[in-house]
Amino acid sequence: MKFYCRENELGKLNKRYENGNWECVIIYRRRRVGKTALISEFCKGKPAVYFSALNSSSQENLEVLICG
């Protein structure tokens, strides 16, 4: 399957990944513009943690992230 229309963003993410520094990248935008597809494509073949925050408190989000 070919990945379309996000090559620029994907390239920027890969460049940051390849610099060897640990970073947390937050991706936000309006609904239905391909954020999840971009993240999924970027994570292919890499050790990664992906967490989609809940519309909830920071404490609840932290608990879900840590405990599942």
C-alpha atoms as a PDB file:
ATOM      1  CA  MET A   1       0.000   0.000   0.000  1.00  0.00           C
ATOM      2  CA  LYS A   2       1.389   3.413  -0.993  1.00  0.00           C
ATOM      3  CA  PHE A   3       1.391   6.264   1.505  1.00  0.00           C
ATOM      4  CA  TYR A   4       0.204   9.508  -0.090  1.00  0.00           C
ATOM      5  CA  CYS A   5       0.139  13.232   0.655  1.00  0.00           C
ATOM      6  CA  ARG A   6       2.190  13.241   3.856  1.00  0.00           C
ATOM      7  CA  GLU A   7       5.703  12.633   2.576  1.00  0.00           C
ATOM      8  CA  ASN A   8       6.877  16.043   3.862  1.00  0.00           C
ATOM      9  CA  GLU A   9       5.602  15.449   7.399  1.00  0.00           C
ATOM     10  CA  LEU A  10       6.861  11.864   7.374  1.00  0.00           C
ATOM     11  CA  GLY A  11      10.288  13.085   6.293  1.00  0.00           C
ATOM     12  CA  LYS A  12      10.405  15.580   9.158  1.00  0.00           C
ATOM     13  CA  LEU A  13       9.468  12.906  11.689  1.00  0.00           C
ATOM     14  CA  ASN A  14      12.094  10.515  10.311  1.00  0.00           C
ATOM     15  CA  LYS A  15      14.768  13.216  10.417  1.00  0.00           C
ATOM     16  CA  ARG A  16      13.999  13.867  14.097  1.00  0.00           C
ATOM     17  CA  TYR A  17      14.038  10.128  14.781  1.00  0.00           C
ATOM     18  CA  GLU A  18      17.392   9.645  13.069  1.00  0.00           C
ATOM     19  CA  ASN A  19      19.131  12.375  15.103  1.00  0.00           C
ATOM     20  CA  GLY A  20      19.311   9.890  17.980  1.00  0.00           C
ATOM     21  CA  ASN A  21      17.767  12.108  20.656  1.00  0.00           C
ATOM     22  CA  TRP A  22      14.729  10.961  22.589  1.00  0.00           C
ATOM     23  CA  GLU A  23      11.812  13.268  21.848  1.00  0.00           C
ATOM     24  CA  CYS A  24       8.121  13.434  22.506  1.00  0.00           C
ATOM     25  CA  VAL A  25       6.236  14.680  19.469  1.00  0.00           C
ATOM     26  CA  ILE A  26       2.660  15.833  19.782  1.00  0.00           C
ATOM     27  CA  ILE A  27       0.611  15.806  16.613  1.00  0.00           C
ATOM     28  CA  TYR A  28      -2.658  17.656  16.597  1.00  0.00           C
ATOM     29  CA  ARG A  29      -5.015  18.984  13.994  1.00  0.00           C
ATOM     30  CA  ARG A  30      -8.691  18.901  13.164  1.00  0.00           C
ATOM     31  CA  ARG A  31     -10.423  15.561  12.760  1.00  0.00           C
ATOM     32  CA  ARG A  32     -10.152  13.352   9.703  1.00  0.00           C
ATOM     33  CA  VAL A  33      -6.969  14.755   8.131  1.00  0.00           C
ATOM     34  CA  GLY A  34      -4.776  11.635   8.392  1.00  0.00           C
ATOM     35  CA  LYS A  35      -2.940  12.010  11.710  1.00  0.00           C
ATOM     36  CA  THR A  36      -3.352   8.349  12.651  1.00  0.00           C
ATOM     37  CA  ALA A  37      -2.208   7.192   9.201  1.00  0.00           C
ATOM     38  CA  LEU A  38       0.851   9.446   9.465  1.00  0.00           C
ATOM     39  CA  ILE A  39       1.753   8.064  12.892  1.00  0.00           C
ATOM     40  CA  SER A  40       1.175   4.465  11.811  1.00  0.00           C
ATOM     41  CA  GLU A  41       3.372   4.898   8.750  1.00  0.00           C
ATOM     42  CA  PHE A  42       6.113   6.554  10.802  1.00  0.00           C
ATOM     43  CA  CYS A  43       6.106   3.800  13.454  1.00  0.00           C
ATOM     44  CA  LYS A  44       6.510   0.940  10.958  1.00  0.00           C
ATOM     45  CA  GLY A  45       9.690  -0.961  11.790  1.00  0.00           C
ATOM     46  CA  LYS A  46      10.609   1.259  14.743  1.00  0.00           C
ATOM     47  CA  PRO A  47      10.347   0.693  18.467  1.00  0.00           C
ATOM     48  CA  ALA A  48       7.677   3.208  19.388  1.00  0.00           C
ATOM     49  CA  VAL A  49       5.044   4.122  21.953  1.00  0.00           C
ATOM     50  CA  TYR A  50       1.816   5.510  20.541  1.00  0.00           C
ATOM     51  CA  PHE A  51      -0.807   6.897  22.876  1.00  0.00           C
ATOM     52  CA  SER A  52      -3.987   8.626  21.814  1.00  0.00           C
ATOM     53  CA  ALA A  53      -5.102  10.786  24.719  1.00  0.00           C
ATOM     54  CA  LEU A  54      -8.610  10.540  26.050  1.00  0.00           C
ATOM     55  CA  ASN A  55     -10.908  13.508  26.429  1.00  0.00           C
ATOM     56  CA  SER A  56     -10.342  13.270  30.156  1.00  0.00           C
ATOM     57  CA  SER A  57      -8.156  14.570  32.970  1.00  0.00           C
ATOM     58  CA  SER A  58      -4.381  14.399  32.805  1.00  0.00           C
ATOM     59  CA  GLN A  59      -4.422  11.989  35.755  1.00  0.00           C
ATOM     60  CA  GLU A  60      -6.775   9.594  33.953  1.00  0.00           C
ATOM     61  CA  ASN A  61      -4.705   9.807  30.777  1.00  0.00           C
ATOM     62  CA  LEU A  62      -1.539   9.047  32.728  1.00  0.00           C
ATOM     63  CA  GLU A  63      -3.160   6.030  34.380  1.00  0.00           C
ATOM     64  CA  VAL A  64      -4.292   4.673  31.011  1.00  0.00           C
ATOM     65  CA  LEU A  65      -0.856   5.243  29.498  1.00  0.00           C
ATOM     66  CA  ILE A  66       0.948   3.484  32.343  1.00  0.00           C
ATOM     67  CA  CYS A  67      -1.520   0.744  33.274  1.00  0.00           C
ATOM     68  CA  GLY A  68      -3.294   0.180  29.989  1.00  0.00           C
END
